[in-house]
Amino acid sequence: MSKPFATVDWVSAAGAGDEVAWSLLYNHYYPDLYAGALRMCNDHSAAKDLVQESFVTAYLKLAQLKDPASFGGWLWKILVRQCFRIRSKRMAHDEPYPELPDNDPYLQYTLEEKLDEGVRNQRLHTTIALLPEVLCSVVLLRYFTDHQSYQQMADILSIPVGTVRSRLNEARSRLAEKWVRPLDGSVQVFRESNEWNQFYKETLSALHRQDTYKNKFLTHLQKDVQIISPHRPGTGRGIFENMICNDLKYGSWLSPTTVSSCGNISVVEVNHYNSAEHPHHCPQSSVMVLHRRQLQVRRINIHLTWR
């Protein structure tokens, strides 16, 4: 008995002009696409139109698809772009558009993909940088780090879970509104974000090995920097300096794993390493959310994760 056709076989057959295969693809993907379109536009009639347009576009451009196995994701991207085009047109003419749901598919896709295309990546950073700091920090944590759960974010920022949810909802709504409007300075914001990313990667990687980088990191902290942490709260640059000296004494060091910066906010995830003689001196990992003003850090949220 021959094996049943998989979707990849349908795509290949449809690309060769097999109308039955295209009908199978249509029936297979239609329910999920319609459900996604309905979440995005909250209108049954509009959702049907969006799905139909997406399938037509996919059919006309099927020859451009290099990997048949990626058809599902490719079709979803077409739908998202169709919805965004309609949303942009309505907002440009001040036409009402349904309030964004908490799991708005377009925004989720945009953020989670991090918009690898250069220009759009620059635009995303510029848009996030326009948010107030309290909203920018939750967006960076949610979409650019491994600490994405509401509880983790609440612990890191020392705020209630309900506040995390409300800030994320407000941030999503503001991002979607700002995204469709012309922005100036995208290249500059993106460049500055990358410069901060590079700064933290360099200084933290050599923090325990070279005084030059240790001093460079410490001097970019305000003398009265506020440290918010359930483990080591306090005020003053000296707290950080003492922590570094203590690590050196016990043979511990750290290494940054991810750094995400935008505007005056940077989120840094690091792994800690201990000597064999003092295996429990430092936690397994930690997260820092650094808030800058005039190029100096005025507040740091620190969250430690122990084994």
C-alpha atoms as a PDB file:
ATOM      1  CA  MET A   1       0.000   0.000   0.000  1.00  0.00           C
ATOM      2  CA  SER A   2       1.408   3.397  -0.931  1.00  0.00           C
ATOM      3  CA  LYS A   3       2.031   5.945   1.803  1.00  0.00           C
ATOM      4  CA  PRO A   4      -0.466   8.823   2.179  1.00  0.00           C
ATOM      5  CA  PHE A   5       0.483  12.197   0.758  1.00  0.00           C
ATOM      6  CA  ALA A   6       2.075  14.640   3.191  1.00  0.00           C
ATOM      7  CA  THR A   7       1.606  18.395   2.835  1.00  0.00           C
ATOM      8  CA  VAL A   8       5.090  18.677   1.325  1.00  0.00           C
ATOM      9  CA  ASP A   9       3.956  16.348  -1.447  1.00  0.00           C
ATOM     10  CA  TRP A  10       0.848  18.454  -1.996  1.00  0.00           C
ATOM     11  CA  VAL A  11       2.977  21.591  -2.308  1.00  0.00           C
ATOM     12  CA  SER A  12       5.269  19.979  -4.852  1.00  0.00           C
ATOM     13  CA  ALA A  13       2.314  18.664  -6.832  1.00  0.00           C
ATOM     14  CA  ALA A  14       0.507  22.009  -6.710  1.00  0.00           C
ATOM     15  CA  GLY A  15       3.648  23.726  -7.931  1.00  0.00           C
ATOM     16  CA  ALA A  16       3.576  21.387 -10.929  1.00  0.00           C
ATOM     17  CA  GLY A  17       0.005  22.453 -11.698  1.00  0.00           C
ATOM     18  CA  ASP A  18      -1.989  19.761  -9.868  1.00  0.00           C
ATOM     19  CA  GLU A  19      -5.304  21.454  -8.958  1.00  0.00           C
ATOM     20  CA  VAL A  20      -6.388  18.591  -6.704  1.00  0.00           C
ATOM     21  CA  ALA A  21      -3.241  19.018  -4.634  1.00  0.00           C
ATOM     22  CA  TRP A  22      -3.929  22.750  -4.329  1.00  0.00           C
ATOM     23  CA  SER A  23      -7.482  22.008  -3.145  1.00  0.00           C
ATOM     24  CA  LEU A  24      -6.062  19.665  -0.500  1.00  0.00           C
ATOM     25  CA  LEU A  25      -3.712  22.411   0.698  1.00  0.00           C
ATOM     26  CA  TYR A  26      -6.558  24.889   0.769  1.00  0.00           C
ATOM     27  CA  ASN A  27      -8.805  22.624   2.853  1.00  0.00           C
ATOM     28  CA  HIS A  28      -5.934  21.682   5.167  1.00  0.00           C
ATOM     29  CA  TYR A  29      -4.768  25.193   6.019  1.00  0.00           C
ATOM     30  CA  TYR A  30      -8.004  27.162   5.752  1.00  0.00           C
ATOM     31  CA  PRO A  31      -9.334  26.549   9.321  1.00  0.00           C
ATOM     32  CA  ASP A  32      -6.152  27.714  11.085  1.00  0.00           C
ATOM     33  CA  LEU A  33      -5.699  30.677   8.751  1.00  0.00           C
ATOM     34  CA  TYR A  34      -9.297  31.769   9.201  1.00  0.00           C
ATOM     35  CA  ALA A  35      -8.993  31.508  12.991  1.00  0.00           C
ATOM     36  CA  GLY A  36      -5.831  33.617  12.895  1.00  0.00           C
ATOM     37  CA  ALA A  37      -7.365  36.200  10.596  1.00  0.00           C
ATOM     38  CA  LEU A  38     -10.410  36.458  12.849  1.00  0.00           C
ATOM     39  CA  ARG A  39      -8.198  37.115  15.872  1.00  0.00           C
ATOM     40  CA  MET A  40      -6.391  39.837  13.956  1.00  0.00           C
ATOM     41  CA  CYS A  41      -9.377  41.703  12.539  1.00  0.00           C
ATOM     42  CA  ASN A  42     -12.295  40.585  14.756  1.00  0.00           C
ATOM     43  CA  ASP A  43     -14.584  40.604  11.727  1.00  0.00           C
ATOM     44  CA  HIS A  44     -15.904  37.403  10.103  1.00  0.00           C
ATOM     45  CA  SER A  45     -16.367  38.871   6.640  1.00  0.00           C
ATOM     46  CA  ALA A  46     -12.992  40.607   6.637  1.00  0.00           C
ATOM     47  CA  ALA A  47     -11.316  37.436   7.933  1.00  0.00           C
ATOM     48  CA  LYS A  48     -12.705  35.413   5.012  1.00  0.00           C
ATOM     49  CA  ASP A  49     -11.502  38.026   2.531  1.00  0.00           C
ATOM     50  CA  LEU A  50      -8.033  38.071   4.091  1.00  0.00           C
ATOM     51  CA  VAL A  51      -7.729  34.300   3.879  1.00  0.00           C
ATOM     52  CA  GLN A  52      -8.913  34.258   0.265  1.00  0.00           C
ATOM     53  CA  GLU A  53      -6.402  36.980  -0.677  1.00  0.00           C
ATOM     54  CA  SER A  54      -3.659  35.077   1.103  1.00  0.00           C
ATOM     55  CA  PHE A  55      -4.357  31.868  -0.812  1.00  0.00           C
ATOM     56  CA  VAL A  56      -4.495  33.749  -4.115  1.00  0.00           C
ATOM     57  CA  THR A  57      -1.153  35.405  -3.363  1.00  0.00           C
ATOM     58  CA  ALA A  58       0.356  32.066  -2.358  1.00  0.00           C
ATOM     59  CA  TYR A  59      -0.899  30.417  -5.529  1.00  0.00           C
ATOM     60  CA  LEU A  60       0.560  33.138  -7.743  1.00  0.00           C
ATOM     61  CA  LYS A  61       3.919  33.089  -5.950  1.00  0.00           C
ATOM     62  CA  LEU A  62       4.176  29.346  -5.299  1.00  0.00           C
ATOM     63  CA  ALA A  63       7.036  29.021  -7.798  1.00  0.00           C
ATOM     64  CA  GLN A  64       9.098  31.363  -5.570  1.00  0.00           C
ATOM     65  CA  LEU A  65       8.889  29.011  -2.584  1.00  0.00           C
ATOM     66  CA  LYS A  66      12.218  27.161  -2.451  1.00  0.00           C
ATOM     67  CA  ASP A  67      11.414  24.731   0.357  1.00  0.00           C
ATOM     68  CA  PRO A  68       8.004  22.997   0.148  1.00  0.00           C
ATOM     69  CA  ALA A  69       8.304  22.009   3.813  1.00  0.00           C
ATOM     70  CA  SER A  70       8.081  25.679   4.808  1.00  0.00           C
ATOM     71  CA  PHE A  71       4.772  26.249   3.019  1.00  0.00           C
ATOM     72  CA  GLY A  72       2.722  26.551   6.225  1.00  0.00           C
ATOM     73  CA  GLY A  73       4.918  29.255   7.748  1.00  0.00           C
ATOM     74  CA  TRP A  74       5.190  31.037   4.406  1.00  0.00           C
ATOM     75  CA  LEU A  75       1.401  31.068   4.012  1.00  0.00           C
ATOM     76  CA  TRP A  76       1.010  32.424   7.549  1.00  0.00           C
ATOM     77  CA  LYS A  77       3.428  35.269   6.803  1.00  0.00           C
ATOM     78  CA  ILE A  78       1.378  36.178   3.741  1.00  0.00           C
ATOM     79  CA  LEU A  79      -1.766  36.344   5.868  1.00  0.00           C
ATOM     80  CA  VAL A  80      -0.054  38.492   8.497  1.00  0.00           C
ATOM     81  CA  ARG A  81       1.154  40.931   5.854  1.00  0.00           C
ATOM     82  CA  GLN A  82      -2.326  41.116   4.327  1.00  0.00           C
ATOM     83  CA  CYS A  83      -3.815  41.950   7.709  1.00  0.00           C
ATOM     84  CA  PHE A  84      -1.123  44.520   8.449  1.00  0.00           C
ATOM     85  CA  ARG A  85      -1.684  46.185   5.082  1.00  0.00           C
ATOM     86  CA  ILE A  86      -5.403  46.575   5.820  1.00  0.00           C
ATOM     87  CA  ARG A  87      -4.698  47.745   9.368  1.00  0.00           C
ATOM     88  CA  SER A  88      -2.210  50.339   8.147  1.00  0.00           C
ATOM     89  CA  LYS A  89      -4.634  51.645   5.537  1.00  0.00           C
ATOM     90  CA  ARG A  90      -7.452  52.021   8.068  1.00  0.00           C
ATOM     91  CA  MET A  91      -5.279  53.743  10.651  1.00  0.00           C
ATOM     92  CA  ALA A  92      -3.824  56.077   8.015  1.00  0.00           C
ATOM     93  CA  HIS A  93      -7.374  57.241   7.265  1.00  0.00           C
ATOM     94  CA  ASP A  94      -8.325  57.379  10.955  1.00  0.00           C
ATOM     95  CA  GLU A  95     -10.802  54.577  10.475  1.00  0.00           C
ATOM     96  CA  PRO A  96     -11.718  52.622  13.601  1.00  0.00           C
ATOM     97  CA  TYR A  97     -10.047  49.292  14.109  1.00  0.00           C
ATOM     98  CA  PRO A  98     -10.811  46.698  16.800  1.00  0.00           C
ATOM     99  CA  GLU A  99      -8.725  46.881  19.958  1.00  0.00           C
ATOM    100  CA  LEU A 100      -5.743  44.528  19.830  1.00  0.00           C
ATOM    101  CA  PRO A 101      -6.226  41.277  21.759  1.00  0.00           C
ATOM    102  CA  ASP A 102      -3.623  40.166  24.277  1.00  0.00           C
ATOM    103  CA  ASN A 103      -2.260  37.592  21.813  1.00  0.00           C
ATOM    104  CA  ASP A 104      -2.417  39.726  18.676  1.00  0.00           C
ATOM    105  CA  PRO A 105      -0.871  37.430  16.010  1.00  0.00           C
ATOM    106  CA  TYR A 106       0.748  40.162  13.925  1.00  0.00           C
ATOM    107  CA  LEU A 107       2.496  41.772  16.868  1.00  0.00           C
ATOM    108  CA  GLN A 108       3.517  38.415  18.328  1.00  0.00           C
ATOM    109  CA  TYR A 109       5.012  37.412  14.971  1.00  0.00           C
ATOM    110  CA  THR A 110       6.771  40.736  14.542  1.00  0.00           C
ATOM    111  CA  LEU A 111       8.372  40.685  17.980  1.00  0.00           C
ATOM    112  CA  GLU A 112       9.192  37.012  18.289  1.00  0.00           C
ATOM    113  CA  GLU A 113      10.852  36.927  14.860  1.00  0.00           C
ATOM    114  CA  LYS A 114      12.786  40.058  15.936  1.00  0.00           C
ATOM    115  CA  LEU A 115      12.530  41.269  12.350  1.00  0.00           C
ATOM    116  CA  ASP A 116      15.865  40.036  11.067  1.00  0.00           C
ATOM    117  CA  GLU A 117      15.575  42.142   7.923  1.00  0.00           C
ATOM    118  CA  GLY A 118      17.828  45.151   8.529  1.00  0.00           C
ATOM    119  CA  VAL A 119      15.517  48.081   7.871  1.00  0.00           C
ATOM    120  CA  ARG A 120      12.561  46.557   9.694  1.00  0.00           C
ATOM    121  CA  ASN A 121      14.829  45.657  12.608  1.00  0.00           C
ATOM    122  CA  GLN A 122      15.895  49.277  12.843  1.00  0.00           C
ATOM    123  CA  ARG A 123      12.266  50.376  12.739  1.00  0.00           C
ATOM    124  CA  LEU A 124      11.310  47.959  15.504  1.00  0.00           C
ATOM    125  CA  HIS A 125      14.028  49.290  17.830  1.00  0.00           C
ATOM    126  CA  THR A 126      12.972  52.856  17.101  1.00  0.00           C
ATOM    127  CA  THR A 127       9.358  52.019  17.863  1.00  0.00           C
ATOM    128  CA  ILE A 128      10.207  50.268  21.141  1.00  0.00           C
ATOM    129  CA  ALA A 129      12.461  53.180  22.126  1.00  0.00           C
ATOM    130  CA  LEU A 130       9.432  55.485  21.949  1.00  0.00           C
ATOM    131  CA  LEU A 131       7.755  53.567  24.773  1.00  0.00           C
ATOM    132  CA  PRO A 132       8.035  54.740  28.390  1.00  0.00           C
ATOM    133  CA  GLU A 133      10.797  52.906  30.249  1.00  0.00           C
ATOM    134  CA  VAL A 134       8.390  50.790  32.302  1.00  0.00           C
ATOM    135  CA  LEU A 135       6.860  49.457  29.072  1.00  0.00           C
ATOM    136  CA  CYS A 136      10.163  49.128  27.220  1.00  0.00           C
ATOM    137  CA  SER A 137      11.593  46.897  29.959  1.00  0.00           C
ATOM    138  CA  VAL A 138       8.711  44.402  29.857  1.00  0.00           C
ATOM    139  CA  VAL A 139       8.876  44.233  26.049  1.00  0.00           C
ATOM    140  CA  LEU A 140      12.615  43.496  26.086  1.00  0.00           C
ATOM    141  CA  LEU A 141      12.198  40.812  28.741  1.00  0.00           C
ATOM    142  CA  ARG A 142       9.202  39.201  27.059  1.00  0.00           C
ATOM    143  CA  TYR A 143      10.505  39.059  23.497  1.00  0.00           C
ATOM    144  CA  PHE A 144      14.301  39.259  23.696  1.00  0.00           C
ATOM    145  CA  THR A 145      15.294  37.097  26.671  1.00  0.00           C
ATOM    146  CA  ASP A 146      14.726  33.611  28.068  1.00  0.00           C
ATOM    147  CA  HIS A 147      12.867  35.064  31.065  1.00  0.00           C
ATOM    148  CA  GLN A 148       9.497  35.411  29.363  1.00  0.00           C
ATOM    149  CA  SER A 149       6.952  34.113  31.867  1.00  0.00           C
ATOM    150  CA  TYR A 150       4.860  36.675  33.712  1.00  0.00           C
ATOM    151  CA  GLN A 151       6.138  35.396  37.053  1.00  0.00           C
ATOM    152  CA  GLN A 152       9.789  35.632  35.997  1.00  0.00           C
ATOM    153  CA  MET A 153       9.267  39.161  34.719  1.00  0.00           C
ATOM    154  CA  ALA A 154       7.478  40.132  37.916  1.00  0.00           C
ATOM    155  CA  ASP A 155      10.340  38.765  40.033  1.00  0.00           C
ATOM    156  CA  ILE A 156      12.995  40.542  37.964  1.00  0.00           C
ATOM    157  CA  LEU A 157      11.218  43.906  38.003  1.00  0.00           C
ATOM    158  CA  SER A 158       9.909  43.532  41.568  1.00  0.00           C
ATOM    159  CA  ILE A 159       6.325  44.243  40.555  1.00  0.00           C
ATOM    160  CA  PRO A 160       3.088  42.201  40.761  1.00  0.00           C
ATOM    161  CA  VAL A 161       2.191  39.770  37.973  1.00  0.00           C
ATOM    162  CA  GLY A 162      -0.951  41.776  37.276  1.00  0.00           C
ATOM    163  CA  THR A 163       1.179  44.852  36.634  1.00  0.00           C
ATOM    164  CA  VAL A 164       3.322  42.876  34.170  1.00  0.00           C
ATOM    165  CA  ARG A 165       0.192  41.830  32.263  1.00  0.00           C
ATOM    166  CA  SER A 166      -1.245  45.339  32.130  1.00  0.00           C
ATOM    167  CA  ARG A 167       2.079  46.852  31.028  1.00  0.00           C
ATOM    168  CA  LEU A 168       2.469  44.277  28.272  1.00  0.00           C
ATOM    169  CA  ASN A 169      -1.058  44.919  27.035  1.00  0.00           C
ATOM    170  CA  GLU A 170      -0.438  48.658  26.967  1.00  0.00           C
ATOM    171  CA  ALA A 171       2.945  48.186  25.266  1.00  0.00           C
ATOM    172  CA  ARG A 172       1.458  45.988  22.535  1.00  0.00           C
ATOM    173  CA  SER A 173      -1.292  48.474  21.874  1.00  0.00           C
ATOM    174  CA  ARG A 174       1.131  51.402  21.680  1.00  0.00           C
ATOM    175  CA  LEU A 175       3.573  49.480  19.479  1.00  0.00           C
ATOM    176  CA  ALA A 176       0.887  48.570  16.980  1.00  0.00           C
ATOM    177  CA  GLU A 177      -0.242  52.196  16.855  1.00  0.00           C
ATOM    178  CA  LYS A 178       3.257  53.609  16.393  1.00  0.00           C
ATOM    179  CA  TRP A 179       4.384  50.899  13.961  1.00  0.00           C
ATOM    180  CA  VAL A 180       2.261  52.178  11.088  1.00  0.00           C
ATOM    181  CA  ARG A 181       3.380  55.789  11.401  1.00  0.00           C
ATOM    182  CA  PRO A 182       6.489  57.321   9.806  1.00  0.00           C
ATOM    183  CA  LEU A 183       9.504  57.315  12.101  1.00  0.00           C
ATOM    184  CA  ASP A 184      12.687  59.342  11.997  1.00  0.00           C
ATOM    185  CA  GLY A 185      16.041  58.275  13.370  1.00  0.00           C
ATOM    186  CA  SER A 186      15.610  54.511  12.911  1.00  0.00           C
ATOM    187  CA  VAL A 187      19.220  54.000  11.873  1.00  0.00           C
ATOM    188  CA  GLN A 188      20.559  56.035  14.799  1.00  0.00           C
ATOM    189  CA  VAL A 189      18.443  54.237  17.415  1.00  0.00           C
ATOM    190  CA  PHE A 190      19.384  50.848  16.007  1.00  0.00           C
ATOM    191  CA  ARG A 191      23.083  51.781  15.939  1.00  0.00           C
ATOM    192  CA  GLU A 192      22.984  53.039  19.524  1.00  0.00           C
ATOM    193  CA  SER A 193      21.237  49.857  20.648  1.00  0.00           C
ATOM    194  CA  ASN A 194      23.955  47.753  19.051  1.00  0.00           C
ATOM    195  CA  GLU A 195      26.637  49.921  20.632  1.00  0.00           C
ATOM    196  CA  TRP A 196      25.172  49.326  24.090  1.00  0.00           C
ATOM    197  CA  ASN A 197      24.909  45.603  23.364  1.00  0.00           C
ATOM    198  CA  GLN A 198      28.561  45.542  22.410  1.00  0.00           C
ATOM    199  CA  PHE A 199      29.542  47.613  25.452  1.00  0.00           C
ATOM    200  CA  TYR A 200      27.962  45.157  27.890  1.00  0.00           C
ATOM    201  CA  LYS A 201      29.270  42.096  26.079  1.00  0.00           C
ATOM    202  CA  GLU A 202      32.829  43.443  26.170  1.00  0.00           C
ATOM    203  CA  THR A 203      32.906  44.864  29.687  1.00  0.00           C
ATOM    204  CA  LEU A 204      31.075  42.010  31.401  1.00  0.00           C
ATOM    205  CA  SER A 205      33.062  39.318  29.590  1.00  0.00           C
ATOM    206  CA  ALA A 206      36.313  40.797  30.959  1.00  0.00           C
ATOM    207  CA  LEU A 207      34.901  42.169  34.207  1.00  0.00           C
ATOM    208  CA  HIS A 208      36.873  39.778  36.417  1.00  0.00           C
ATOM    209  CA  ARG A 209      39.985  39.616  34.225  1.00  0.00           C
ATOM    210  CA  GLN A 210      40.976  43.162  33.301  1.00  0.00           C
ATOM    211  CA  ASP A 211      40.779  46.279  35.461  1.00  0.00           C
ATOM    212  CA  THR A 212      40.271  48.411  32.345  1.00  0.00           C
ATOM    213  CA  TYR A 213      36.910  46.799  31.605  1.00  0.00           C
ATOM    214  CA  LYS A 214      35.943  46.607  35.274  1.00  0.00           C
ATOM    215  CA  ASN A 215      36.524  50.359  35.678  1.00  0.00           C
ATOM    216  CA  LYS A 216      34.760  51.063  32.394  1.00  0.00           C
ATOM    217  CA  PHE A 217      31.672  49.249  33.632  1.00  0.00           C
ATOM    218  CA  LEU A 218      31.743  50.789  37.112  1.00  0.00           C
ATOM    219  CA  THR A 219      32.181  54.370  35.901  1.00  0.00           C
ATOM    220  CA  HIS A 220      29.119  54.106  33.678  1.00  0.00           C
ATOM    221  CA  LEU A 221      27.077  53.574  36.855  1.00  0.00           C
ATOM    222  CA  GLN A 222      25.927  56.652  38.723  1.00  0.00           C
ATOM    223  CA  LYS A 223      27.578  56.980  42.132  1.00  0.00           C
ATOM    224  CA  ASP A 224      24.161  56.706  43.776  1.00  0.00           C
ATOM    225  CA  VAL A 225      22.839  54.004  41.436  1.00  0.00           C
ATOM    226  CA  GLN A 226      19.785  52.276  42.908  1.00  0.00           C
ATOM    227  CA  ILE A 227      19.953  48.478  43.025  1.00  0.00           C
ATOM    228  CA  ILE A 228      16.567  46.765  43.216  1.00  0.00           C
ATOM    229  CA  SER A 229      16.799  43.104  44.148  1.00  0.00           C
ATOM    230  CA  PRO A 230      15.222  40.751  46.680  1.00  0.00           C
ATOM    231  CA  HIS A 231      18.722  39.388  47.274  1.00  0.00           C
ATOM    232  CA  ARG A 232      21.079  42.392  47.324  1.00  0.00           C
ATOM    233  CA  PRO A 233      19.192  45.701  47.380  1.00  0.00           C
ATOM    234  CA  GLY A 234      20.960  48.951  48.083  1.00  0.00           C
ATOM    235  CA  THR A 235      22.249  52.247  46.762  1.00  0.00           C
ATOM    236  CA  GLY A 236      25.660  53.141  45.435  1.00  0.00           C
ATOM    237  CA  ARG A 237      28.285  52.105  42.922  1.00  0.00           C
ATOM    238  CA  GLY A 238      30.359  50.665  45.758  1.00  0.00           C
ATOM    239  CA  ILE A 239      27.965  47.724  46.132  1.00  0.00           C
ATOM    240  CA  PHE A 240      28.831  46.513  42.650  1.00  0.00           C
ATOM    241  CA  GLU A 241      32.537  47.087  43.196  1.00  0.00           C
ATOM    242  CA  ASN A 242      32.446  45.050  46.405  1.00  0.00           C
ATOM    243  CA  MET A 243      30.592  42.245  44.602  1.00  0.00           C
ATOM    244  CA  ILE A 244      33.297  42.075  41.935  1.00  0.00           C
ATOM    245  CA  CYS A 245      36.099  42.090  44.512  1.00  0.00           C
ATOM    246  CA  ASN A 246      34.340  39.353  46.454  1.00  0.00           C
ATOM    247  CA  ASP A 247      33.996  37.250  43.297  1.00  0.00           C
ATOM    248  CA  LEU A 248      37.713  37.627  42.608  1.00  0.00           C
ATOM    249  CA  LYS A 249      38.501  36.573  46.152  1.00  0.00           C
ATOM    250  CA  TYR A 250      36.551  33.331  45.754  1.00  0.00           C
ATOM    251  CA  GLY A 251      37.546  32.662  42.147  1.00  0.00           C
ATOM    252  CA  SER A 252      34.142  33.307  40.563  1.00  0.00           C
ATOM    253  CA  TRP A 253      33.416  35.033  37.259  1.00  0.00           C
ATOM    254  CA  LEU A 254      30.557  35.604  34.831  1.00  0.00           C
ATOM    255  CA  SER A 255      29.835  35.577  31.123  1.00  0.00           C
ATOM    256  CA  PRO A 256      26.983  37.417  29.345  1.00  0.00           C
ATOM    257  CA  THR A 257      24.702  35.138  27.299  1.00  0.00           C
ATOM    258  CA  THR A 258      22.294  37.658  25.758  1.00  0.00           C
ATOM    259  CA  VAL A 259      22.169  41.443  25.736  1.00  0.00           C
ATOM    260  CA  SER A 260      19.129  43.341  24.433  1.00  0.00           C
ATOM    261  CA  SER A 261      19.145  47.138  24.386  1.00  0.00           C
ATOM    262  CA  CYS A 262      16.703  49.744  23.202  1.00  0.00           C
ATOM    263  CA  GLY A 263      16.691  53.425  24.062  1.00  0.00           C
ATOM    264  CA  ASN A 264      17.706  53.869  27.700  1.00  0.00           C
ATOM    265  CA  ILE A 265      17.042  50.249  28.677  1.00  0.00           C
ATOM    266  CA  SER A 266      19.298  47.200  28.463  1.00  0.00           C
ATOM    267  CA  VAL A 267      18.510  43.668  29.608  1.00  0.00           C
ATOM    268  CA  VAL A 268      21.541  41.475  30.265  1.00  0.00           C
ATOM    269  CA  GLU A 269      21.417  37.746  30.979  1.00  0.00           C
ATOM    270  CA  VAL A 270      24.590  36.200  32.392  1.00  0.00           C
ATOM    271  CA  ASN A 271      25.876  32.810  33.500  1.00  0.00           C
ATOM    272  CA  HIS A 272      27.992  32.600  36.633  1.00  0.00           C
ATOM    273  CA  TYR A 273      30.904  30.241  37.205  1.00  0.00           C
ATOM    274  CA  ASN A 274      32.431  29.239  40.539  1.00  0.00           C
ATOM    275  CA  SER A 275      35.734  27.717  41.541  1.00  0.00           C
ATOM    276  CA  ALA A 276      35.923  24.100  42.680  1.00  0.00           C
ATOM    277  CA  GLU A 277      36.839  25.319  46.174  1.00  0.00           C
ATOM    278  CA  HIS A 278      33.752  27.548  46.457  1.00  0.00           C
ATOM    279  CA  PRO A 279      31.086  25.991  44.206  1.00  0.00           C
ATOM    280  CA  HIS A 280      28.166  27.872  45.763  1.00  0.00           C
ATOM    281  CA  HIS A 281      29.544  31.380  45.941  1.00  0.00           C
ATOM    282  CA  CYS A 282      27.530  32.724  42.974  1.00  0.00           C
ATOM    283  CA  PRO A 283      24.152  31.684  41.562  1.00  0.00           C
ATOM    284  CA  GLN A 284      23.823  29.726  38.342  1.00  0.00           C
ATOM    285  CA  SER A 285      22.635  32.765  36.410  1.00  0.00           C
ATOM    286  CA  SER A 286      21.222  36.255  36.790  1.00  0.00           C
ATOM    287  CA  VAL A 287      19.370  38.944  34.890  1.00  0.00           C
ATOM    288  CA  MET A 288      19.985  42.679  35.024  1.00  0.00           C
ATOM    289  CA  VAL A 289      17.662  45.368  33.722  1.00  0.00           C
ATOM    290  CA  LEU A 290      19.675  48.583  33.477  1.00  0.00           C
ATOM    291  CA  HIS A 291      17.966  51.975  33.269  1.00  0.00           C
ATOM    292  CA  ARG A 292      20.157  54.802  31.953  1.00  0.00           C
ATOM    293  CA  ARG A 293      19.927  58.558  32.001  1.00  0.00           C
ATOM    294  CA  GLN A 294      22.427  60.670  30.069  1.00  0.00           C
ATOM    295  CA  LEU A 295      24.574  57.600  29.349  1.00  0.00           C
ATOM    296  CA  GLN A 296      24.825  56.562  33.007  1.00  0.00           C
ATOM    297  CA  VAL A 297      22.889  53.836  34.809  1.00  0.00           C
ATOM    298  CA  ARG A 298      20.663  55.224  37.526  1.00  0.00           C
ATOM    299  CA  ARG A 299      18.740  52.053  38.434  1.00  0.00           C
ATOM    300  CA  ILE A 300      19.342  48.308  38.093  1.00  0.00           C
ATOM    301  CA  ASN A 301      16.906  45.476  38.667  1.00  0.00           C
ATOM    302  CA  ILE A 302      18.814  42.280  39.513  1.00  0.00           C
ATOM    303  CA  HIS A 303      17.353  38.800  39.758  1.00  0.00           C
ATOM    304  CA  LEU A 304      19.464  35.775  40.757  1.00  0.00           C
ATOM    305  CA  THR A 305      18.735  32.159  39.869  1.00  0.00           C
ATOM    306  CA  TRP A 306      20.247  29.488  42.109  1.00  0.00           C
ATOM    307  CA  ARG A 307      20.445  25.788  41.357  1.00  0.00           C
END
